[in-house]
Amino acid sequence: MKSADWLQLHPLLKIVLAFIIGLVIAHTFNFGTFAPWWLWLGITIVALLVALLCRSHARWQGVCIFGAFIFWGMSLYTLQDCRSNSSLPTGEQVAQCVIMSPLISKGKVVQCDVLLTKGLLSGKKVKASILKDTLQRRYQQLGIGSGIVFRAVFRPFENLKSKSHFDYPQWMFLHGYQAQTFIYFTDWQTCAVDFHDLPRVERLRLFAQQVRSRLLQILERQGLHDQDYAVIAAMTLGDKSSLSKSTKELYSITGTSHLLALSGLHLSILFGLLSVVFGRRHFLNVVIVILTIWAYIFLTGMSSSLLRSGLMLTLYSLVSLLNRHRMSLNALSFAAIVMLMIQPMLLWDVSFQLSFMAVLAILILYHPIYHLLPLHWLQSSYFIRLLWGMMTVSVAAQIGTAPLVAYYFGRFSCYFLFTNLMAVPLTTFILYTACLVFMLSFWTSAQNIVAKVMAWTAQFLNQQLSAIASWTGASVENIHLTAIQVLAIYLLIGCGIGFLFYLSKSYRQSKIY
C-alpha cells in the first residue's frame, strides 16, 4: 500500500498531526507573548473558508485544512498558556478549603489535596502539607470532605534535583494543581463546609474519592501485608500513596511500572470481564459496559491514560455494534484530538506521551511482528499463539515507549519481556479477585478466602520481581538523551518498521505463490 493511500485511510491521523504541529510551534516560539489567541483563531477560520472555496482543487483544499488545524492548535495553546501564567498572591494568606484526598503521612507532615473555597485562589486545587501536632494529634480528625480555615503562604512548584528531563511544575499544573503550601499545626482550624457551594464537578470528584476510600478500607480490613496491600491498591484503585520507594524502584527496574499506574491495560482487563458478564451484542448491554467503564475512570482519578483508553473502548464498543471489530489509528487519533482540544498542555504530560506511543506502536507493529513466526507454528498450538501474542504486544509497546522512558527517567529495563509475560497475567488475576472481594462484602467467609488468594498472588509477584531485579544487568542506568536524539531514535525505529512491513509482505506473498 502506498503512503498516500495509507494516509487516505486514516484522515483523523492527518488532523491530529496538524494539530500537534500547531501546539509544538506555539510552545517552541512562545507566540502568546506577541500575538493573542484570537488572532490565530481568525487565521484558522480564514483557512477553512479558503478550503471551502477550493473544493474543485483537492490538493489545495487539503493544504488549507491541514494549515487550519495547525493554526487552531496554536490558538488553543496560546489561550491555555495565558491561563496557566496566572501569578500567585504574595505574602501570608487566609483561606478556607475542603480536603479532596486521603491524608498521607510523610515524616513530620501529612499531605493532601485541598480545594480552596474562599480566598484569592478560590476554586483552585493546592497541594498542602500540614505539620503534625504530636500532643493533641488534631490532624487525625481530618479526612476527605473535611473543611479547614488556615493561614499560610502559597508557593509555586519547583523542579526536583535530578538530571532527568521530567518537568515537575508542568506535571503538577497538568494535573490541576495551582500551588503548594505548608500549614503550621497552630495555623488551622476545622470549619463547616457547604458542599452546595462547590462546583458540581468537584462535588462528584469528592463523592468519587469517598467511595474509593471506602473500597480501600475493605482491602485494609483483609489483613494484607504492607507492600502487598500497596501494590493491590495501586493496581485496582489507582492509590499509590502506600507504595514505598523500594517497591517503586523494584517495578521500575523490571520494566513493570505501568502495572502500578492505572492504564489501558487495566481498563482492557476490566472491559473484558464486563463484556463476558453483560455481552456486547445488544445496545443496552453495550451502554451498561460503557457507563461502568467511565464510572471506574472517574472513581480512580481520570488519568490521561485511562481517558484515552475510555474514549477508544467507547468508540470500539459502538463500532462493534456495526460488526466492525478492528481498532485503527483513526480511533487513537480521535481520542488524542478530543483530549488535546480540552487540555492542549496534555501533549507535554509524560503519562499521555507514554500511553499514546505504546498504543500507537501496538497498532502499527503487532501484525508485522506476529507474522514473523512461521505460520505452521502459529497453527500448531493455541498456547503458542497466546504466548507469542503476549510477547508481540509487550515488544511493540516497549519499542514505542523505550526512547521516552530513557529520556525522562534515564533507564532501560533489559528483562522487560520476561517480567511482563509473568506479571501481566498475575495482574489480571489480582484485578479480577479484587472485584470479587468488593462484591462479596455480604459473605465474609468467602471474601476472606478470595482475599487470601489475592494477597498470596501479590506477594508472589513482588517476590519474583525482586529476584529478577537482583539479576546482573537487570537495567541500564544513567541514560542521558536529548530531545533531538530521541527524535533520531524514533526515525530509526520508523525505518525499521518500514523494513519489517516489507519482510511481512514478502512472507505473505511467498505463501500465496
Protein backbone atom coordinates (compact mmCIF):
# COMPACT_ATOMS: atom_id res chain seq x y z
CA MET A 1 0.00 0.00 0.00
CA LYS A 2 1.32 3.41 -1.00
CA SER A 3 1.85 6.02 1.70
CA ALA A 4 -0.74 8.32 0.09
CA ASP A 5 -3.35 5.55 0.12
CA TRP A 6 -2.45 4.70 3.73
CA LEU A 7 -2.98 8.33 4.79
CA GLN A 8 -6.31 8.42 2.95
CA LEU A 9 -7.47 5.52 5.14
CA HIS A 10 -6.55 7.47 8.28
CA PRO A 11 -7.88 11.03 7.84
CA LEU A 12 -8.03 11.69 11.60
CA LEU A 13 -4.32 10.90 11.83
CA LYS A 14 -3.56 13.79 9.47
CA ILE A 15 -5.76 16.10 11.53
CA VAL A 16 -4.13 15.20 14.87
CA LEU A 17 -0.65 15.56 13.33
CA ALA A 18 -1.50 19.06 12.10
CA PHE A 19 -2.97 19.97 15.49
CA ILE A 20 0.15 18.69 17.32
CA ILE A 21 2.41 20.64 14.93
CA GLY A 22 0.48 23.79 15.85
CA LEU A 23 0.86 23.10 19.57
CA VAL A 24 4.60 22.46 19.21
CA ILE A 25 5.15 25.63 17.14
CA ALA A 26 3.28 27.78 19.68
CA HIS A 27 5.18 26.16 22.56
CA THR A 28 8.60 26.49 20.92
CA PHE A 29 8.33 30.10 19.79
CA ASN A 30 6.05 31.33 22.61
CA PHE A 31 3.70 33.14 20.25
CA GLY A 32 1.45 34.14 23.12
CA THR A 33 3.91 36.90 24.11
CA PHE A 34 3.32 38.95 20.95
CA ALA A 35 0.09 37.65 19.40
CA PRO A 36 -3.25 36.95 21.12
CA TRP A 37 -5.05 33.63 20.80
CA TRP A 38 -7.93 35.17 18.82
CA LEU A 39 -5.54 36.17 16.03
CA TRP A 40 -4.64 32.54 15.36
CA LEU A 41 -8.30 31.57 15.64
CA GLY A 42 -9.12 34.18 13.00
CA ILE A 43 -6.46 32.75 10.66
CA THR A 44 -7.97 29.30 11.28
CA ILE A 45 -11.41 30.49 10.16
CA VAL A 46 -9.91 32.17 7.06
CA ALA A 47 -8.07 28.94 6.15
CA LEU A 48 -11.30 26.94 6.47
CA LEU A 49 -13.17 29.44 4.28
CA VAL A 50 -10.45 29.19 1.63
CA ALA A 51 -10.74 25.40 1.83
CA LEU A 52 -14.46 25.67 1.07
CA LEU A 53 -13.68 27.81 -1.99
CA CYS A 54 -11.11 25.28 -3.23
CA ARG A 55 -13.47 22.32 -3.50
CA SER A 56 -12.51 21.79 -7.14
CA HIS A 57 -8.81 21.60 -6.22
CA ALA A 58 -8.45 18.68 -3.81
CA ARG A 59 -4.73 19.19 -3.18
CA TRP A 60 -5.03 22.87 -2.25
CA GLN A 61 -8.13 22.14 -0.18
CA GLY A 62 -6.16 19.53 1.77
CA VAL A 63 -3.33 22.01 2.35
CA CYS A 64 -5.77 24.64 3.67
CA ILE A 65 -7.46 22.19 6.03
CA PHE A 66 -4.07 20.98 7.27
CA GLY A 67 -2.99 24.58 7.84
CA ALA A 68 -6.28 25.40 9.58
CA PHE A 69 -5.68 22.73 12.20
CA ILE A 70 -2.11 23.95 12.69
CA PHE A 71 -3.36 27.47 13.45
CA TRP A 72 -6.15 26.06 15.62
CA GLY A 73 -3.56 24.24 17.70
CA MET A 74 -1.58 27.49 18.03
CA SER A 75 -4.75 29.32 19.10
CA LEU A 76 -5.74 26.82 21.81
CA TYR A 77 -2.19 26.58 23.16
CA THR A 78 -1.87 30.37 23.38
CA LEU A 79 -5.21 30.59 25.20
CA GLN A 80 -4.26 27.82 27.64
CA ASP A 81 -0.80 29.30 28.18
CA CYS A 82 -2.32 32.65 29.19
CA ARG A 83 -4.47 30.89 31.75
CA SER A 84 -1.55 28.93 33.19
CA ASN A 85 0.62 32.01 33.71
CA SER A 86 -1.57 33.48 36.43
CA SER A 87 0.53 34.75 39.34
CA LEU A 88 0.18 33.63 42.95
CA PRO A 89 -0.72 36.05 45.75
CA THR A 90 2.29 37.24 47.74
CA GLY A 91 2.69 37.04 51.49
CA GLU A 92 0.67 35.13 54.05
CA GLN A 93 -2.94 34.47 53.09
CA VAL A 94 -6.06 33.38 54.96
CA ALA A 95 -8.09 30.81 53.06
CA GLN A 96 -10.81 28.20 53.51
CA CYS A 97 -10.72 24.82 51.83
CA VAL A 98 -12.14 21.31 51.69
CA ILE A 99 -9.87 18.25 51.74
CA MET A 100 -10.22 16.29 48.48
CA SER A 101 -7.88 13.31 49.05
CA PRO A 102 -6.77 10.92 51.81
CA LEU A 103 -4.11 12.29 54.15
CA ILE A 104 -0.71 10.71 53.54
CA SER A 105 1.85 10.66 56.34
CA LYS A 106 5.28 11.89 55.17
CA GLY A 107 7.60 12.16 58.17
CA LYS A 108 6.63 15.21 60.25
CA VAL A 109 3.78 16.26 57.94
CA VAL A 110 0.61 14.90 56.41
CA GLN A 111 -0.01 15.72 52.75
CA CYS A 112 -3.32 16.09 50.96
CA ASP A 113 -5.05 17.83 48.08
CA VAL A 114 -7.30 20.72 49.03
CA LEU A 115 -9.82 22.72 47.03
CA LEU A 116 -9.89 26.35 48.08
CA THR A 117 -13.43 27.65 48.67
CA LYS A 118 -12.63 31.15 49.99
CA GLY A 119 -9.67 33.43 49.40
CA LEU A 120 -7.74 34.84 46.45
CA LEU A 121 -7.27 31.38 44.92
CA SER A 122 -10.87 30.27 45.39
CA GLY A 123 -11.75 27.33 43.15
CA LYS A 124 -8.10 26.24 42.74
CA LYS A 125 -6.54 22.93 43.83
CA VAL A 126 -3.48 23.13 46.07
CA LYS A 127 -1.03 20.52 47.41
CA ALA A 128 -0.99 21.08 51.19
CA SER A 129 1.49 19.83 53.81
CA ILE A 130 0.16 20.08 57.38
CA LEU A 131 2.66 19.84 60.23
CA LYS A 132 1.71 17.14 62.74
CA ASP A 133 0.90 18.19 66.29
CA THR A 134 2.36 15.36 68.37
CA LEU A 135 0.40 16.19 71.55
CA GLN A 136 -3.24 16.66 70.56
CA ARG A 137 -2.91 14.95 67.14
CA ARG A 138 -5.69 17.10 65.71
CA TYR A 139 -4.70 16.10 62.17
CA GLN A 140 -6.11 12.61 62.82
CA GLN A 141 -9.63 14.00 62.80
CA LEU A 142 -9.23 15.21 59.22
CA GLY A 143 -10.36 13.24 56.21
CA ILE A 144 -11.92 13.52 52.77
CA GLY A 145 -14.62 16.20 52.87
CA SER A 146 -13.28 17.95 55.99
CA GLY A 147 -13.25 21.74 55.88
CA ILE A 148 -10.47 23.86 57.39
CA VAL A 149 -9.58 27.54 57.68
CA PHE A 150 -5.84 28.17 57.57
CA ARG A 151 -3.17 30.85 57.31
CA ALA A 152 -0.19 30.12 55.05
CA VAL A 153 1.95 31.23 52.11
CA PHE A 154 1.27 29.83 48.62
CA ARG A 155 4.40 28.88 46.68
CA PRO A 156 4.98 27.67 43.11
CA PHE A 157 6.28 24.17 42.44
CA GLU A 158 9.98 23.67 41.84
CA ASN A 159 11.78 21.06 39.78
CA LEU A 160 13.28 18.12 41.64
CA LYS A 161 17.06 17.93 41.94
CA SER A 162 17.77 15.29 39.31
CA LYS A 163 19.35 15.00 35.89
CA SER A 164 16.14 13.75 34.26
CA HIS A 165 14.05 15.80 31.84
CA PHE A 166 10.94 15.36 33.96
CA ASP A 167 9.28 18.76 34.46
CA TYR A 168 7.65 18.56 37.90
CA PRO A 169 5.94 22.01 37.92
CA GLN A 170 4.44 21.35 34.50
CA TRP A 171 3.27 17.89 35.61
CA MET A 172 1.55 19.40 38.67
CA PHE A 173 -0.15 22.07 36.55
CA LEU A 174 -1.39 19.47 34.06
CA HIS A 175 -2.93 17.57 36.96
CA GLY A 176 -4.82 20.61 38.16
CA TYR A 177 -2.57 21.95 40.95
CA GLN A 178 -2.16 25.72 41.21
CA ALA A 179 0.34 25.91 44.06
CA GLN A 180 1.75 24.23 47.17
CA THR A 181 1.61 25.35 50.78
CA PHE A 182 2.90 24.45 54.23
CA ILE A 183 0.47 24.83 57.15
CA TYR A 184 1.79 25.03 60.73
CA PHE A 185 -0.23 22.97 63.21
CA THR A 186 -1.37 26.10 65.12
CA ASP A 187 -2.46 27.91 61.93
CA TRP A 188 -5.55 25.89 61.01
CA GLN A 189 -9.00 25.17 62.44
CA THR A 190 -11.82 22.94 61.28
CA CYS A 191 -14.89 24.58 59.80
CA ALA A 192 -18.22 23.61 58.31
CA VAL A 193 -18.40 23.26 54.53
CA ASP A 194 -21.49 23.92 52.47
CA PHE A 195 -20.99 21.41 49.68
CA HIS A 196 -23.70 23.10 47.62
CA ASP A 197 -21.27 25.99 47.15
CA LEU A 198 -18.81 23.67 45.42
CA PRO A 199 -18.94 23.25 41.64
CA ARG A 200 -20.93 20.20 40.57
CA VAL A 201 -17.87 18.53 39.06
CA GLU A 202 -15.93 18.95 42.30
CA ARG A 203 -18.82 17.53 44.30
CA LEU A 204 -18.75 14.48 42.04
CA ARG A 205 -14.97 14.23 42.49
CA LEU A 206 -15.41 14.40 46.26
CA PHE A 207 -18.05 11.68 46.14
CA ALA A 208 -15.75 9.50 43.98
CA GLN A 209 -12.90 9.98 46.45
CA GLN A 210 -15.16 8.99 49.35
CA VAL A 211 -16.28 5.82 47.52
CA ARG A 212 -12.68 4.92 46.70
CA SER A 213 -11.70 5.49 50.34
CA ARG A 214 -14.39 3.02 51.46
CA LEU A 215 -13.19 0.44 48.95
CA LEU A 216 -9.63 0.89 50.19
CA GLN A 217 -10.87 0.32 53.73
CA ILE A 218 -12.32 -3.01 52.57
CA LEU A 219 -8.86 -4.01 51.34
CA GLU A 220 -7.24 -2.81 54.58
CA ARG A 221 -9.58 -5.00 56.66
CA GLN A 222 -8.30 -8.12 54.90
CA GLY A 223 -5.08 -8.05 56.90
CA LEU A 224 -2.78 -7.64 53.91
CA HIS A 225 0.93 -7.06 54.40
CA ASP A 226 2.22 -3.51 53.93
CA GLN A 227 3.56 -3.56 50.36
CA ASP A 228 1.22 -6.35 49.23
CA TYR A 229 -1.67 -4.03 50.11
CA ALA A 230 0.11 -1.09 48.46
CA VAL A 231 0.54 -2.99 45.18
CA ILE A 232 -3.08 -4.21 45.17
CA ALA A 233 -4.40 -0.71 45.96
CA ALA A 234 -2.34 0.77 43.10
CA MET A 235 -3.32 -1.92 40.57
CA THR A 236 -7.04 -1.85 41.34
CA LEU A 237 -7.98 1.63 42.57
CA GLY A 238 -5.04 3.76 41.45
CA ASP A 239 -4.00 4.63 45.03
CA LYS A 240 -0.19 4.79 45.10
CA SER A 241 0.13 6.59 48.43
CA SER A 242 1.22 3.45 50.32
CA LEU A 243 3.91 2.40 47.84
CA SER A 244 7.41 2.59 49.28
CA LYS A 245 10.37 3.95 47.29
CA SER A 246 11.89 0.46 47.18
CA THR A 247 8.71 -1.02 45.65
CA LYS A 248 8.51 1.75 43.03
CA GLU A 249 12.19 1.20 42.22
CA LEU A 250 11.64 -2.58 42.00
CA TYR A 251 8.89 -2.22 39.41
CA SER A 252 10.89 0.41 37.52
CA ILE A 253 14.00 -1.80 37.26
CA THR A 254 11.97 -4.75 35.99
CA GLY A 255 10.06 -2.69 33.43
CA THR A 256 6.67 -3.20 35.07
CA SER A 257 5.99 0.32 36.40
CA HIS A 258 2.98 0.56 34.08
CA LEU A 259 1.27 -2.10 36.20
CA LEU A 260 1.25 0.24 39.22
CA ALA A 261 -0.26 3.14 37.26
CA LEU A 262 -3.79 2.54 36.02
CA SER A 263 -3.69 2.50 32.25
CA GLY A 264 -5.26 0.99 29.19
CA LEU A 265 -4.10 -2.46 30.28
CA HIS A 266 -6.16 -2.36 33.48
CA LEU A 267 -9.16 -0.87 31.70
CA SER A 268 -8.98 -3.54 28.97
CA ILE A 269 -8.89 -6.26 31.65
CA LEU A 270 -12.00 -4.81 33.29
CA PHE A 271 -13.65 -4.30 29.89
CA GLY A 272 -13.05 -7.95 29.05
CA LEU A 273 -14.70 -9.06 32.30
CA LEU A 274 -17.71 -6.78 31.78
CA SER A 275 -18.08 -7.94 28.18
CA VAL A 276 -18.24 -11.57 29.33
CA VAL A 277 -20.79 -10.75 32.07
CA PHE A 278 -23.09 -8.46 30.07
CA GLY A 279 -22.20 -9.27 26.46
CA ARG A 280 -21.79 -6.79 23.62
CA ARG A 281 -24.45 -7.86 21.13
CA HIS A 282 -27.25 -5.58 22.30
CA PHE A 283 -27.23 -1.81 22.57
CA LEU A 284 -28.43 -1.77 26.21
CA ASN A 285 -25.63 -4.15 27.28
CA VAL A 286 -23.06 -2.00 25.50
CA VAL A 287 -24.38 1.09 27.28
CA ILE A 288 -24.10 -0.67 30.67
CA VAL A 289 -20.50 -1.70 29.92
CA ILE A 290 -19.55 1.81 28.76
CA LEU A 291 -21.16 3.52 31.77
CA THR A 292 -19.40 1.10 34.15
CA ILE A 293 -16.06 1.77 32.48
CA TRP A 294 -16.48 5.54 32.76
CA ALA A 295 -17.63 5.24 36.38
CA TYR A 296 -14.41 3.35 37.11
CA ILE A 297 -12.35 6.02 35.30
CA PHE A 298 -13.99 8.77 37.36
CA LEU A 299 -13.60 6.77 40.58
CA THR A 300 -9.86 6.29 40.07
CA GLY A 301 -8.94 9.87 39.26
CA MET A 302 -9.31 10.25 35.47
CA SER A 303 -5.66 9.91 34.47
CA SER A 304 -4.77 10.70 30.84
CA SER A 305 -4.06 7.04 30.03
CA LEU A 306 -7.47 5.99 31.38
CA LEU A 307 -9.23 8.79 29.49
CA ARG A 308 -7.50 7.70 26.27
CA SER A 309 -8.46 4.08 26.85
CA GLY A 310 -12.01 5.02 27.81
CA LEU A 311 -12.52 7.00 24.62
CA MET A 312 -11.08 4.20 22.48
CA LEU A 313 -13.11 1.46 24.21
CA THR A 314 -16.26 3.56 23.90
CA LEU A 315 -15.65 4.02 20.19
CA TYR A 316 -14.76 0.33 19.83
CA SER A 317 -17.97 -0.74 21.60
CA LEU A 318 -20.16 1.46 19.43
CA VAL A 319 -18.41 0.37 16.23
CA SER A 320 -18.71 -3.29 17.27
CA LEU A 321 -22.49 -2.93 17.08
CA LEU A 322 -21.95 -2.41 13.34
CA ASN A 323 -20.00 -5.70 13.19
CA ARG A 324 -16.65 -3.95 12.84
CA HIS A 325 -14.21 -5.18 15.43
CA ARG A 326 -10.87 -3.83 14.33
CA MET A 327 -9.40 -0.87 16.15
CA SER A 328 -7.48 1.54 13.96
CA LEU A 329 -5.29 4.57 14.07
CA ASN A 330 -8.41 6.65 13.48
CA ALA A 331 -9.75 5.60 16.90
CA LEU A 332 -6.46 6.52 18.57
CA SER A 333 -6.37 9.81 16.66
CA PHE A 334 -9.94 10.60 17.71
CA ALA A 335 -9.04 10.06 21.38
CA ALA A 336 -5.97 12.30 21.02
CA ILE A 337 -7.93 15.09 19.29
CA VAL A 338 -10.65 15.14 21.95
CA MET A 339 -8.18 15.17 24.85
CA LEU A 340 -5.85 17.78 23.34
CA MET A 341 -8.69 20.11 22.43
CA ILE A 342 -9.91 20.01 26.02
CA GLN A 343 -6.42 20.32 27.52
CA PRO A 344 -3.72 21.22 24.92
CA MET A 345 -0.98 21.10 27.57
CA LEU A 346 -1.52 17.33 27.88
CA LEU A 347 0.85 16.93 24.96
CA TRP A 348 3.70 17.55 27.41
CA ASP A 349 2.34 15.15 30.05
CA VAL A 350 4.65 12.13 30.40
CA SER A 351 1.82 9.65 31.01
CA PHE A 352 -0.06 10.99 27.97
CA GLN A 353 3.00 10.55 25.75
CA LEU A 354 3.81 7.07 27.05
CA SER A 355 0.20 5.91 26.78
CA PHE A 356 -0.29 7.02 23.20
CA MET A 357 3.12 5.86 22.00
CA ALA A 358 2.50 2.41 23.49
CA VAL A 359 -0.87 2.03 21.75
CA LEU A 360 0.46 3.52 18.50
CA ALA A 361 3.33 1.03 18.47
CA ILE A 362 0.96 -1.88 19.16
CA LEU A 363 -1.42 -0.83 16.36
CA ILE A 364 1.44 -0.49 13.85
CA LEU A 365 3.79 -3.28 14.90
CA TYR A 366 1.58 -6.06 16.23
CA HIS A 367 0.74 -7.79 12.97
CA PRO A 368 4.20 -7.49 11.32
CA ILE A 369 5.93 -8.88 14.43
CA TYR A 370 3.24 -11.54 14.99
CA HIS A 371 3.62 -12.89 11.45
CA LEU A 372 7.40 -13.17 11.76
CA LEU A 373 6.78 -16.53 13.44
CA PRO A 374 6.28 -19.29 10.84
CA LEU A 375 2.63 -19.87 10.04
CA HIS A 376 2.74 -23.62 10.74
CA TRP A 377 3.98 -22.86 14.26
CA LEU A 378 1.07 -20.49 14.90
CA GLN A 379 -1.42 -23.05 13.59
CA SER A 380 0.03 -25.92 15.60
CA SER A 381 -0.98 -24.84 19.13
CA TYR A 382 -3.33 -22.40 20.87
CA PHE A 383 -0.76 -21.99 23.66
CA ILE A 384 1.93 -20.91 21.16
CA ARG A 385 -0.43 -18.33 19.61
CA LEU A 386 -1.37 -16.96 23.05
CA LEU A 387 2.22 -16.78 24.29
CA TRP A 388 3.51 -15.28 21.06
CA GLY A 389 0.65 -12.76 21.01
CA MET A 390 1.51 -11.58 24.54
CA MET A 391 5.19 -11.33 23.61
CA THR A 392 4.33 -9.37 20.50
CA VAL A 393 2.21 -6.84 22.40
CA SER A 394 4.94 -6.39 25.03
CA VAL A 395 7.71 -5.96 22.46
CA ALA A 396 5.67 -3.50 20.39
CA ALA A 397 4.77 -1.38 23.43
CA GLN A 398 8.39 -1.40 24.63
CA ILE A 399 9.66 -0.27 21.22
CA GLY A 400 7.20 2.62 21.29
CA THR A 401 7.96 3.78 24.83
CA ALA A 402 11.64 2.90 25.44
CA PRO A 403 13.09 6.15 23.98
CA LEU A 404 10.71 8.26 26.10
CA VAL A 405 11.44 6.24 29.25
CA ALA A 406 15.18 6.66 28.67
CA TYR A 407 14.70 10.40 28.04
CA TYR A 408 12.58 11.15 31.10
CA PHE A 409 13.90 8.60 33.61
CA GLY A 410 17.34 7.62 32.27
CA ARG A 411 16.69 3.87 32.45
CA PHE A 412 16.14 0.87 30.19
CA SER A 413 14.86 -2.42 31.61
CA CYS A 414 16.64 -5.35 29.97
CA TYR A 415 14.31 -8.15 31.13
CA PHE A 416 11.03 -6.37 30.35
CA LEU A 417 9.80 -9.15 28.07
CA PHE A 418 10.21 -11.92 30.63
CA THR A 419 8.85 -9.89 33.54
CA ASN A 420 5.74 -8.74 31.63
CA LEU A 421 4.96 -12.26 30.44
CA MET A 422 4.84 -13.24 34.10
CA ALA A 423 3.46 -10.05 35.67
CA VAL A 424 0.60 -9.21 33.28
CA PRO A 425 -1.35 -12.49 33.88
CA LEU A 426 -0.82 -12.12 37.63
CA THR A 427 -2.03 -8.51 37.50
CA THR A 428 -5.12 -9.67 35.61
CA PHE A 429 -5.79 -12.26 38.32
CA ILE A 430 -5.31 -9.65 41.08
CA LEU A 431 -7.76 -7.27 39.41
CA TYR A 432 -10.40 -9.98 39.00
CA THR A 433 -10.03 -11.26 42.56
CA ALA A 434 -10.22 -7.69 43.89
CA CYS A 435 -13.57 -7.31 42.11
CA LEU A 436 -14.72 -10.48 43.89
CA VAL A 437 -13.53 -9.15 47.26
CA PHE A 438 -15.60 -5.98 46.79
CA MET A 439 -18.68 -7.89 45.65
CA LEU A 440 -18.52 -10.48 48.48
CA SER A 441 -18.83 -7.95 51.31
CA PHE A 442 -22.11 -9.66 52.29
CA TRP A 443 -20.37 -13.07 52.62
CA THR A 444 -17.42 -12.59 54.95
CA SER A 445 -16.03 -16.14 54.93
CA ALA A 446 -15.90 -16.29 51.11
CA GLN A 447 -14.47 -12.77 51.00
CA ASN A 448 -11.64 -13.76 53.35
CA ILE A 449 -10.74 -16.80 51.20
CA VAL A 450 -10.63 -14.73 47.99
CA ALA A 451 -8.63 -12.00 49.77
CA LYS A 452 -6.03 -14.55 50.92
CA VAL A 453 -5.63 -15.83 47.35
CA MET A 454 -5.30 -12.23 46.12
CA ALA A 455 -2.73 -11.42 48.81
CA TRP A 456 -0.70 -14.55 48.01
CA THR A 457 -0.67 -13.59 44.31
CA ALA A 458 0.56 -10.06 45.07
CA GLN A 459 3.21 -11.43 47.44
CA PHE A 460 4.36 -13.95 44.84
CA LEU A 461 4.56 -11.21 42.19
CA ASN A 462 6.63 -8.94 44.43
CA GLN A 463 8.98 -11.80 45.34
CA GLN A 464 9.56 -12.81 41.72
CA LEU A 465 10.17 -9.24 40.58
CA SER A 466 12.58 -8.74 43.46
CA ALA A 467 14.52 -11.83 42.36
CA ILE A 468 14.65 -10.65 38.73
CA ALA A 469 15.75 -7.15 39.79
CA SER A 470 18.78 -8.71 41.52
CA TRP A 471 19.99 -10.36 38.30
CA THR A 472 23.08 -8.95 36.63
CA GLY A 473 22.25 -6.35 34.01
CA ALA A 474 18.60 -6.02 35.04
CA SER A 475 18.59 -2.42 33.81
CA VAL A 476 20.83 0.12 32.12
CA GLU A 477 21.08 3.23 34.29
CA ASN A 478 22.06 6.89 33.86
CA ILE A 479 21.00 7.23 30.24
CA HIS A 480 21.14 10.86 29.12
CA LEU A 481 19.37 11.67 25.87
CA THR A 482 18.49 14.98 24.27
CA ALA A 483 15.20 15.67 22.52
CA ILE A 484 16.99 15.58 19.14
CA GLN A 485 18.46 12.16 19.96
CA VAL A 486 15.01 10.85 20.91
CA LEU A 487 13.62 12.07 17.57
CA ALA A 488 16.55 10.41 15.77
CA ILE A 489 15.84 7.12 17.58
CA TYR A 490 12.19 7.26 16.55
CA LEU A 491 13.30 7.98 12.98
CA LEU A 492 15.46 4.84 13.05
CA ILE A 493 12.54 2.90 14.53
CA GLY A 494 10.38 4.18 11.67
CA CYS A 495 12.92 2.90 9.14
CA GLY A 496 12.95 -0.44 10.95
CA ILE A 497 9.16 -0.58 10.85
CA GLY A 498 9.24 0.01 7.10
CA PHE A 499 11.69 -2.87 6.70
CA LEU A 500 9.51 -5.04 8.95
CA PHE A 501 6.46 -4.34 6.82
CA TYR A 502 8.49 -5.30 3.74
CA LEU A 503 9.51 -8.61 5.30
CA SER A 504 5.95 -9.31 6.42
CA LYS A 505 4.57 -8.54 2.94
CA SER A 506 7.23 -10.70 1.27
CA TYR A 507 6.44 -13.58 3.63
CA ARG A 508 2.71 -13.42 2.87
CA GLN A 509 3.36 -13.28 -0.88
CA SER A 510 5.65 -16.32 -0.67
CA LYS A 511 2.85 -18.27 1.00
CA ILE A 512 0.42 -17.30 -1.77
CA TYR A 513 2.75 -18.44 -4.54
